[in-house]
C-alpha atoms as a PDB file:
ATOM      1  CA  MET A   1      -0.232  -0.139   0.229  1.00  0.00           C
ATOM      2  CA  SER A   2       1.249   3.604  -0.796  1.00  0.00           C
ATOM      3  CA  ALA A   3       1.688   5.727   2.359  1.00  0.00           C
ATOM      4  CA  ALA A   4      -1.185   8.238   3.408  1.00  0.00           C
ATOM      5  CA  VAL A   5      -0.801  11.901   2.245  1.00  0.00           C
ATOM      6  CA  PRO A   6      -1.427  14.094   4.910  1.00  0.00           C
ATOM      7  CA  ALA A   7      -4.061  16.650   4.687  1.00  0.00           C
ATOM      8  CA  PRO A   8      -2.939  20.264   3.954  1.00  0.00           C
ATOM      9  CA  ASP A   9      -3.613  21.567   7.683  1.00  0.00           C
ATOM     10  CA  GLU A  10      -1.694  18.582   9.248  1.00  0.00           C
ATOM     11  CA  ALA A  11       1.429  19.188   6.987  1.00  0.00           C
ATOM     12  CA  ALA A  12       1.193  22.538   7.930  1.00  0.00           C
ATOM     13  CA  ALA A  13       1.172  21.715  11.588  1.00  0.00           C
ATOM     14  CA  ALA A  14       3.945  19.184  11.214  1.00  0.00           C
ATOM     15  CA  GLY A  15       6.299  21.917   9.735  1.00  0.00           C
ATOM     16  CA  GLY A  16       5.493  24.463  12.356  1.00  0.00           C
ATOM     17  CA  GLY A  17       3.493  26.751  10.276  1.00  0.00           C
ATOM     18  CA  ARG A  18       1.386  27.532   7.205  1.00  0.00           C
ATOM     19  CA  THR A  19       2.528  26.030   3.828  1.00  0.00           C
ATOM     20  CA  ARG A  20       2.679  28.180   0.893  1.00  0.00           C
ATOM     21  CA  PRO A  21       3.449  27.060  -2.903  1.00  0.00           C
ATOM     22  CA  ALA A  22       6.623  27.386  -3.955  1.00  0.00           C
ATOM     23  CA  ALA A  23       5.757  29.473  -6.899  1.00  0.00           C
ATOM     24  CA  SER A  24       4.479  32.199  -4.909  1.00  0.00           C
ATOM     25  CA  TRP A  25       7.953  32.976  -3.405  1.00  0.00           C
ATOM     26  CA  PRO A  26       9.130  34.748  -6.202  1.00  0.00           C
ATOM     27  CA  LEU A  27       6.019  36.910  -6.593  1.00  0.00           C
ATOM     28  CA  THR A  28       6.213  37.659  -2.630  1.00  0.00           C
ATOM     29  CA  ALA A  29       9.952  38.671  -3.452  1.00  0.00           C
ATOM     30  CA  VAL A  30       8.643  41.138  -6.269  1.00  0.00           C
ATOM     31  CA  GLU A  31       5.510  42.390  -4.484  1.00  0.00           C
ATOM     32  CA  ALA A  32       8.019  43.311  -1.006  1.00  0.00           C
ATOM     33  CA  GLY A  33      10.711  44.734  -3.316  1.00  0.00           C
ATOM     34  CA  PHE A  34       8.143  47.134  -4.811  1.00  0.00           C
ATOM     35  CA  ARG A  35       6.531  48.057  -1.820  1.00  0.00           C
ATOM     36  CA  LEU A  36       9.714  48.664   0.010  1.00  0.00           C
ATOM     37  CA  LEU A  37      10.771  51.165  -2.668  1.00  0.00           C
ATOM     38  CA  ALA A  38       7.631  53.026  -3.229  1.00  0.00           C
ATOM     39  CA  ARG A  39       7.560  53.200   0.894  1.00  0.00           C
ATOM     40  CA  LEU A  40      10.937  54.948   0.743  1.00  0.00           C
ATOM     41  CA  ARG A  41      10.382  57.063  -2.242  1.00  0.00           C
ATOM     42  CA  GLY A  42       6.846  57.803  -0.594  1.00  0.00           C
ATOM     43  CA  ALA A  43       5.912  57.469  -4.605  1.00  0.00           C
ATOM     44  CA  PRO A  44       5.104  54.697  -7.060  1.00  0.00           C
ATOM     45  CA  ALA A  45       7.959  52.410  -6.881  1.00  0.00           C
ATOM     46  CA  LEU A  46       8.727  53.241 -10.624  1.00  0.00           C
ATOM     47  CA  HIS A  47       8.044  56.608 -12.512  1.00  0.00           C
ATOM     48  CA  PRO A  48       7.945  58.425  -8.749  1.00  0.00           C
ATOM     49  CA  THR A  49       7.821  61.581 -10.180  1.00  0.00           C
ATOM     50  CA  GLY A  50       5.373  62.771 -13.079  1.00  0.00           C
ATOM     51  CA  LEU A  51       2.708  65.482 -14.210  1.00  0.00           C
ATOM     52  CA  THR A  52      -0.827  64.685 -13.917  1.00  0.00           C
ATOM     53  CA  CYS A  53      -3.143  66.318 -16.662  1.00  0.00           C
ATOM     54  CA  SER A  54      -6.684  66.668 -17.935  1.00  0.00           C
ATOM     55  CA  ALA A  55      -7.425  65.173 -21.544  1.00  0.00           C
ATOM     56  CA  ASP A  56      -9.951  63.721 -23.916  1.00  0.00           C
ATOM     57  CA  LEU A  57      -9.498  60.462 -26.001  1.00  0.00           C
ATOM     58  CA  GLU A  58     -11.472  60.329 -29.206  1.00  0.00           C
ATOM     59  CA  VAL A  59     -12.253  56.787 -30.498  1.00  0.00           C
ATOM     60  CA  VAL A  60     -12.122  56.599 -33.911  1.00  0.00           C
ATOM     61  CA  ASP A  61     -12.940  54.439 -37.096  1.00  0.00           C
ATOM     62  CA  ASP A  62      -9.794  53.690 -39.177  1.00  0.00           C
ATOM     63  CA  GLY A  63     -12.070  52.395 -42.120  1.00  0.00           C
ATOM     64  CA  ALA A  64     -10.588  48.731 -41.511  1.00  0.00           C
ATOM     65  CA  GLY A  65     -13.425  47.024 -40.050  1.00  0.00           C
ATOM     66  CA  PRO A  66     -14.780  46.288 -36.586  1.00  0.00           C
ATOM     67  CA  TRP A  67     -12.464  45.234 -33.773  1.00  0.00           C
ATOM     68  CA  GLY A  68     -15.069  43.123 -32.035  1.00  0.00           C
ATOM     69  CA  VAL A  69     -14.954  45.263 -29.132  1.00  0.00           C
ATOM     70  CA  PRO A  70     -17.586  47.036 -27.815  1.00  0.00           C
ATOM     71  CA  TRP A  71     -16.249  50.531 -26.794  1.00  0.00           C
ATOM     72  CA  LEU A  72     -13.507  50.487 -30.218  1.00  0.00           C
ATOM     73  CA  ASP A  73     -16.593  50.020 -32.374  1.00  0.00           C
ATOM     74  CA  ALA A  74     -18.299  52.735 -31.122  1.00  0.00           C
ATOM     75  CA  PRO A  75     -16.528  56.210 -32.016  1.00  0.00           C
ATOM     76  CA  GLY A  76     -17.010  59.083 -30.082  1.00  0.00           C
ATOM     77  CA  ARG A  77     -15.199  61.207 -27.252  1.00  0.00           C
ATOM     78  CA  HIS A  78     -14.241  60.448 -23.605  1.00  0.00           C
ATOM     79  CA  ALA A  79     -12.765  62.574 -20.733  1.00  0.00           C
ATOM     80  CA  ALA A  80      -9.552  61.259 -19.740  1.00  0.00           C
ATOM     81  CA  THR A  81      -6.745  61.570 -17.325  1.00  0.00           C
ATOM     82  CA  VAL A  82      -3.049  61.254 -18.068  1.00  0.00           C
ATOM     83  CA  ARG A  83       0.168  61.032 -16.144  1.00  0.00           C
ATOM     84  CA  LEU A  84       3.474  61.751 -18.187  1.00  0.00           C
ATOM     85  CA  SER A  85       6.380  60.653 -16.115  1.00  0.00           C
ATOM     86  CA  ARG A  86      10.190  59.552 -15.815  1.00  0.00           C
ATOM     87  CA  ALA A  87      10.830  56.050 -14.775  1.00  0.00           C
ATOM     88  CA  ALA A  88      14.147  56.629 -12.696  1.00  0.00           C
ATOM     89  CA  GLY A  89      13.881  60.399 -12.104  1.00  0.00           C
ATOM     90  CA  LEU A  90      17.419  60.882 -13.821  1.00  0.00           C
ATOM     91  CA  PRO A  91      18.273  64.768 -14.484  1.00  0.00           C
ATOM     92  CA  ARG A  92      16.235  66.296 -17.388  1.00  0.00           C
ATOM     93  CA  ARG A  93      19.294  66.140 -20.021  1.00  0.00           C
ATOM     94  CA  LEU A  94      19.599  62.777 -19.650  1.00  0.00           C
ATOM     95  CA  PRO A  95      17.515  59.812 -21.690  1.00  0.00           C
ATOM     96  CA  ASP A  96      14.883  57.816 -19.130  1.00  0.00           C
ATOM     97  CA  GLY A  97      12.183  55.663 -19.676  1.00  0.00           C
ATOM     98  CA  LEU A  98       9.228  57.823 -20.444  1.00  0.00           C
ATOM     99  CA  GLY A  99       6.179  56.567 -19.248  1.00  0.00           C
ATOM    100  CA  LEU A 100       2.516  57.382 -20.439  1.00  0.00           C
ATOM    101  CA  ALA A 101      -0.148  56.520 -18.330  1.00  0.00           C
ATOM    102  CA  VAL A 102      -3.959  57.057 -19.544  1.00  0.00           C
ATOM    103  CA  ARG A 103      -7.409  56.338 -17.797  1.00  0.00           C
ATOM    104  CA  VAL A 104     -10.608  56.847 -19.391  1.00  0.00           C
ATOM    105  CA  PRO A 105     -13.466  56.553 -16.700  1.00  0.00           C
ATOM    106  CA  ASP A 106     -16.850  54.875 -17.996  1.00  0.00           C
ATOM    107  CA  ALA A 107     -15.106  53.993 -21.175  1.00  0.00           C
ATOM    108  CA  ASP A 108     -17.183  51.172 -21.939  1.00  0.00           C
ATOM    109  CA  GLY A 109     -20.126  52.337 -19.682  1.00  0.00           C
ATOM    110  CA  PRO A 110     -20.716  53.416 -16.167  1.00  0.00           C
ATOM    111  CA  GLY A 111     -17.930  51.660 -13.722  1.00  0.00           C
ATOM    112  CA  ARG A 112     -16.019  50.585 -16.381  1.00  0.00           C
ATOM    113  CA  THR A 113     -12.887  52.409 -16.275  1.00  0.00           C
ATOM    114  CA  LEU A 114     -10.003  51.824 -18.556  1.00  0.00           C
ATOM    115  CA  ASP A 115      -6.467  52.336 -17.851  1.00  0.00           C
ATOM    116  CA  LEU A 116      -3.485  52.251 -20.421  1.00  0.00           C
ATOM    117  CA  LEU A 117       0.329  52.068 -19.336  1.00  0.00           C
ATOM    118  CA  LEU A 118       2.662  52.883 -22.022  1.00  0.00           C
ATOM    119  CA  THR A 119       6.362  52.857 -21.890  1.00  0.00           C
ATOM    120  CA  SER A 120       9.154  55.016 -24.258  1.00  0.00           C
ATOM    121  CA  SER A 121      10.094  52.177 -26.821  1.00  0.00           C
ATOM    122  CA  GLY A 122      11.135  51.404 -30.406  1.00  0.00           C
ATOM    123  CA  ARG A 123       8.658  50.937 -33.410  1.00  0.00           C
ATOM    124  CA  GLY A 124       9.945  47.862 -35.270  1.00  0.00           C
ATOM    125  CA  ARG A 125       8.460  44.527 -34.901  1.00  0.00           C
ATOM    126  CA  ILE A 126      10.931  43.800 -32.337  1.00  0.00           C
ATOM    127  CA  THR A 127      11.928  46.695 -30.856  1.00  0.00           C
ATOM    128  CA  ARG A 128       8.270  47.663 -30.075  1.00  0.00           C
ATOM    129  CA  ARG A 129       8.465  45.486 -27.189  1.00  0.00           C
ATOM    130  CA  VAL A 130      11.573  46.821 -25.852  1.00  0.00           C
ATOM    131  CA  PRO A 131      11.730  50.018 -23.589  1.00  0.00           C
ATOM    132  CA  LEU A 132      13.981  52.741 -24.941  1.00  0.00           C
ATOM    133  CA  PRO A 133      15.132  55.799 -22.710  1.00  0.00           C
ATOM    134  CA  ARG A 134      14.504  59.101 -24.281  1.00  0.00           C
ATOM    135  CA  ALA A 135      14.818  62.712 -23.346  1.00  0.00           C
ATOM    136  CA  ASP A 136      12.304  64.210 -25.849  1.00  0.00           C
ATOM    137  CA  VAL A 137       8.579  63.178 -25.019  1.00  0.00           C
ATOM    138  CA  LEU A 138       7.795  63.438 -28.736  1.00  0.00           C
ATOM    139  CA  ARG A 139      10.906  61.790 -30.400  1.00  0.00           C
ATOM    140  CA  GLY A 140       9.546  58.751 -30.631  1.00  0.00           C
ATOM    141  CA  PRO A 141       6.616  56.027 -29.907  1.00  0.00           C
ATOM    142  CA  TYR A 142       5.103  54.626 -26.268  1.00  0.00           C
ATOM    143  CA  SER A 143       4.600  50.812 -26.075  1.00  0.00           C
ATOM    144  CA  SER A 144       2.398  48.243 -23.705  1.00  0.00           C
ATOM    145  CA  LEU A 145       5.631  46.169 -24.310  1.00  0.00           C
ATOM    146  CA  LEU A 146       3.309  42.969 -23.782  1.00  0.00           C
ATOM    147  CA  SER A 147       0.245  42.251 -26.143  1.00  0.00           C
ATOM    148  CA  TYR A 148      -3.330  42.823 -25.312  1.00  0.00           C
ATOM    149  CA  ARG A 149      -5.872  40.684 -26.102  1.00  0.00           C
ATOM    150  CA  ILE A 150      -8.143  42.714 -28.527  1.00  0.00           C
ATOM    151  CA  GLY A 151     -11.366  41.059 -30.039  1.00  0.00           C
ATOM    152  CA  GLY A 152      -9.499  37.678 -29.386  1.00  0.00           C
ATOM    153  CA  ARG A 153      -6.322  38.538 -31.058  1.00  0.00           C
ATOM    154  CA  PRO A 154      -3.033  39.450 -29.190  1.00  0.00           C
ATOM    155  CA  ARG A 155      -1.751  42.795 -30.419  1.00  0.00           C
ATOM    156  CA  VAL A 156       0.675  45.222 -28.957  1.00  0.00           C
ATOM    157  CA  LEU A 157      -0.787  48.845 -28.189  1.00  0.00           C
ATOM    158  CA  ALA A 158       1.259  51.981 -29.185  1.00  0.00           C
ATOM    159  CA  ALA A 159       0.819  55.767 -28.767  1.00  0.00           C
ATOM    160  CA  PHE A 160       2.563  58.011 -31.643  1.00  0.00           C
ATOM    161  CA  PRO A 161       3.010  61.500 -30.782  1.00  0.00           C
ATOM    162  CA  ARG A 162       2.532  64.041 -33.672  1.00  0.00           C
ATOM    163  CA  PRO A 163       5.458  66.143 -33.520  1.00  0.00           C
ATOM    164  CA  ALA A 164       3.896  69.309 -34.189  1.00  0.00           C
ATOM    165  CA  ARG A 165       6.843  71.311 -32.297  1.00  0.00           C
ATOM    166  CA  ARG A 166      10.218  72.377 -33.222  1.00  0.00           C
ATOM    167  CA  ALA A 167      11.863  72.330 -29.817  1.00  0.00           C
ATOM    168  CA  PRO A 168      12.440  69.102 -27.859  1.00  0.00           C
ATOM    169  CA  VAL A 169       9.994  68.750 -25.224  1.00  0.00           C
ATOM    170  CA  HIS A 170      12.016  67.195 -22.218  1.00  0.00           C
ATOM    171  CA  GLY A 171      10.203  64.779 -20.066  1.00  0.00           C
ATOM    172  CA  ASP A 172      10.384  66.374 -16.681  1.00  0.00           C
ATOM    173  CA  PRO A 173       7.571  68.219 -14.788  1.00  0.00           C
ATOM    174  CA  ALA A 174       8.880  71.752 -15.596  1.00  0.00           C
ATOM    175  CA  GLY A 175       9.703  71.045 -19.259  1.00  0.00           C
ATOM    176  CA  LEU A 176       6.016  69.551 -19.678  1.00  0.00           C
ATOM    177  CA  VAL A 177       4.282  72.621 -18.203  1.00  0.00           C
ATOM    178  CA  ALA A 178       6.303  74.906 -20.410  1.00  0.00           C
ATOM    179  CA  ALA A 179       5.309  72.605 -23.265  1.00  0.00           C
ATOM    180  CA  LEU A 180       1.497  72.401 -22.472  1.00  0.00           C
ATOM    181  CA  ALA A 181       1.375  76.046 -22.026  1.00  0.00           C
ATOM    182  CA  THR A 182       1.803  76.660 -25.716  1.00  0.00           C
ATOM    183  CA  GLY A 183      -0.729  73.998 -26.748  1.00  0.00           C
ATOM    184  CA  PRO A 184      -1.833  70.503 -26.335  1.00  0.00           C
ATOM    185  CA  LEU A 185       0.435  67.027 -27.018  1.00  0.00           C
ATOM    186  CA  VAL A 186      -1.372  64.962 -29.069  1.00  0.00           C
ATOM    187  CA  TYR A 187      -1.230  61.118 -29.431  1.00  0.00           C
ATOM    188  CA  ASP A 188      -2.230  58.642 -32.033  1.00  0.00           C
ATOM    189  CA  LEU A 189      -2.955  55.494 -30.230  1.00  0.00           C
ATOM    190  CA  ARG A 190      -2.706  52.162 -32.538  1.00  0.00           C
ATOM    191  CA  ALA A 191      -2.720  48.741 -32.152  1.00  0.00           C
ATOM    192  CA  GLU A 192      -0.925  45.789 -34.157  1.00  0.00           C
ATOM    193  CA  ALA A 193      -2.977  44.677 -37.299  1.00  0.00           C
ATOM    194  CA  ALA A 194      -2.309  40.869 -38.342  1.00  0.00           C
ATOM    195  CA  ASP A 195       0.295  41.730 -40.309  1.00  0.00           C
ATOM    196  CA  ARG A 196       2.142  43.730 -37.697  1.00  0.00           C
ATOM    197  CA  SER A 197       1.279  46.855 -39.188  1.00  0.00           C
ATOM    198  CA  TRP A 198      -0.449  49.527 -37.435  1.00  0.00           C
ATOM    199  CA  ARG A 199      -4.096  50.316 -37.163  1.00  0.00           C
ATOM    200  CA  THR A 200      -5.348  53.748 -35.307  1.00  0.00           C
ATOM    201  CA  PHE A 201      -8.274  53.441 -32.989  1.00  0.00           C
ATOM    202  CA  ALA A 202      -8.305  56.384 -30.981  1.00  0.00           C
ATOM    203  CA  VAL A 203      -6.739  59.828 -30.676  1.00  0.00           C
ATOM    204  CA  LEU A 204      -5.564  61.380 -27.436  1.00  0.00           C
ATOM    205  CA  THR A 205      -5.266  64.968 -26.491  1.00  0.00           C
ATOM    206  CA  VAL A 206      -3.150  65.976 -23.366  1.00  0.00           C
ATOM    207  CA  ARG A 207      -4.689  69.472 -22.293  1.00  0.00           C
ATOM    208  CA  SER A 208      -3.641  71.391 -19.150  1.00  0.00           C
ATOM    209  CA  VAL A 209      -1.864  70.356 -15.961  1.00  0.00           C
ATOM    210  CA  LEU A 210      -4.192  69.449 -12.902  1.00  0.00           C
ATOM    211  CA  PRO A 211      -3.545  70.432  -9.232  1.00  0.00           C
ATOM    212  CA  VAL A 212      -1.635  66.865  -8.282  1.00  0.00           C
ATOM    213  CA  GLY A 213       1.729  66.908  -6.687  1.00  0.00           C
ATOM    214  CA  SER A 214       4.505  65.437  -8.839  1.00  0.00           C
ATOM    215  CA  GLU A 215       5.259  62.425  -6.492  1.00  0.00           C
ATOM    216  CA  ARG A 216       1.248  61.567  -6.443  1.00  0.00           C
ATOM    217  CA  SER A 217      -0.456  59.364  -8.842  1.00  0.00           C
ATOM    218  CA  LEU A 218      -3.670  57.871  -9.476  1.00  0.00           C
ATOM    219  CA  ASP A 219      -3.599  53.855  -8.935  1.00  0.00           C
ATOM    220  CA  PHE A 220      -3.364  52.921 -12.459  1.00  0.00           C
ATOM    221  CA  ASP A 221      -3.589  49.380 -12.640  1.00  0.00           C
ATOM    222  CA  VAL A 222      -4.254  47.547 -16.050  1.00  0.00           C
ATOM    223  CA  TYR A 223      -5.490  44.546 -14.518  1.00  0.00           C
ATOM    224  CA  ARG A 224      -8.023  46.247 -12.086  1.00  0.00           C
ATOM    225  CA  HIS A 225      -9.505  48.626 -14.861  1.00  0.00           C
ATOM    226  CA  GLY A 226     -10.170  46.786 -17.987  1.00  0.00           C
ATOM    227  CA  VAL A 227     -13.124  46.524 -20.602  1.00  0.00           C
ATOM    228  CA  ARG A 228     -14.600  44.095 -22.399  1.00  0.00           C
ATOM    229  CA  GLY A 229     -12.595  42.248 -25.022  1.00  0.00           C
ATOM    230  CA  PHE A 230      -9.794  44.831 -24.210  1.00  0.00           C
ATOM    231  CA  ALA A 231      -7.383  43.315 -21.645  1.00  0.00           C
ATOM    232  CA  PRO A 232      -3.683  42.728 -21.162  1.00  0.00           C
ATOM    233  CA  GLY A 233      -2.504  39.247 -21.890  1.00  0.00           C
ATOM    234  CA  SER A 234      -1.570  36.502 -19.434  1.00  0.00           C
ATOM    235  CA  ALA A 235       2.241  37.038 -20.077  1.00  0.00           C
ATOM    236  CA  LEU A 236       4.068  37.868 -17.032  1.00  0.00           C
ATOM    237  CA  ALA A 237       0.360  38.713 -15.473  1.00  0.00           C
ATOM    238  CA  ALA A 238       0.981  37.452 -11.868  1.00  0.00           C
ATOM    239  CA  THR A 239       4.556  39.413 -11.638  1.00  0.00           C
ATOM    240  CA  ARG A 240       3.179  42.380 -12.626  1.00  0.00           C
ATOM    241  CA  ARG A 241       0.033  42.136 -10.436  1.00  0.00           C
ATOM    242  CA  ALA A 242       2.597  41.585  -7.687  1.00  0.00           C
ATOM    243  CA  ALA A 243       4.323  44.824  -8.597  1.00  0.00           C
ATOM    244  CA  TYR A 244       1.404  46.773  -8.262  1.00  0.00           C
ATOM    245  CA  ARG A 245       0.151  45.487  -5.314  1.00  0.00           C
ATOM    246  CA  GLY A 246       3.678  46.093  -3.513  1.00  0.00           C
ATOM    247  CA  SER A 247       3.865  49.593  -5.317  1.00  0.00           C
ATOM    248  CA  ARG A 248       0.154  50.675  -4.190  1.00  0.00           C
ATOM    249  CA  ARG A 249       1.205  49.337  -0.386  1.00  0.00           C
ATOM    250  CA  GLY A 250       4.484  51.053   0.013  1.00  0.00           C
ATOM    251  CA  ARG A 251       3.092  54.523  -1.285  1.00  0.00           C
ATOM    252  CA  ARG A 252       0.837  54.433   1.790  1.00  0.00           C
ATOM    253  CA  GLU A 253       3.473  53.740   4.224  1.00  0.00           C
ATOM    254  CA  ARG A 254       5.677  56.451   5.846  1.00  0.00           C
ATOM    255  CA  PRO A 255       9.651  55.241   5.984  1.00  0.00           C
ATOM    256  CA  ARG A 256      10.649  54.825   9.669  1.00  0.00           C
ATOM    257  CA  ARG A 257      13.019  57.155  11.131  1.00  0.00           C
ATOM    258  CA  ASN A 258      15.903  56.246  13.460  1.00  0.00           C
ATOM    259  CA  GLY A 259      16.062  58.038  16.762  1.00  0.00           C
END
């Protein structure tokens, strides 16, 4: 006969405590690391300083057929909130990972909020999945890096700035304030087509600065705020969720002071 396998509660008692799946320990470490970093910064673990702005997002029909997603197949204008940020907070003249976070409340009906998190990247078939530091916010595209499931098909998302300005726009808050004082920043939001070309699904217009401190941020989270038929894929989902949880918790905690 085979030996009896102890029940989970019995195994925990024999081990002197609760048992946890081995696979959970890397996620616990990720969450703890992001929690500590956010706690020390008093801001998001990554992209700690940025500029929060009012914006509007207009869903457009590109003429290439339906997406199979309710909110994309209903062109119209939505109020939005945008945060422009630098990943590491390096000096303004140095390249840094630039962030473009977008929140569209009620994008797919009441209570169905959509968050998008995009990072400066390349534009080629490979480099669109690779973070690319930049100094100028209008120099190149921003990408979701990982695929979304849109109408049942995996697609990378990207935001392409419209280069309507001659002078560079630096990604630090002061540079962005100065740029927005002269006019809005406009981005074409696109998703991969089946042949890896781009289809435009919306135009994002960033208009004015909101009275939010540079180290404060909405709790952007693409897993908590998604809409029907339009959600991030499963690649690294558990790791990213752990990072978001840790960053949210750490921001609510104050660093301990010695003495």
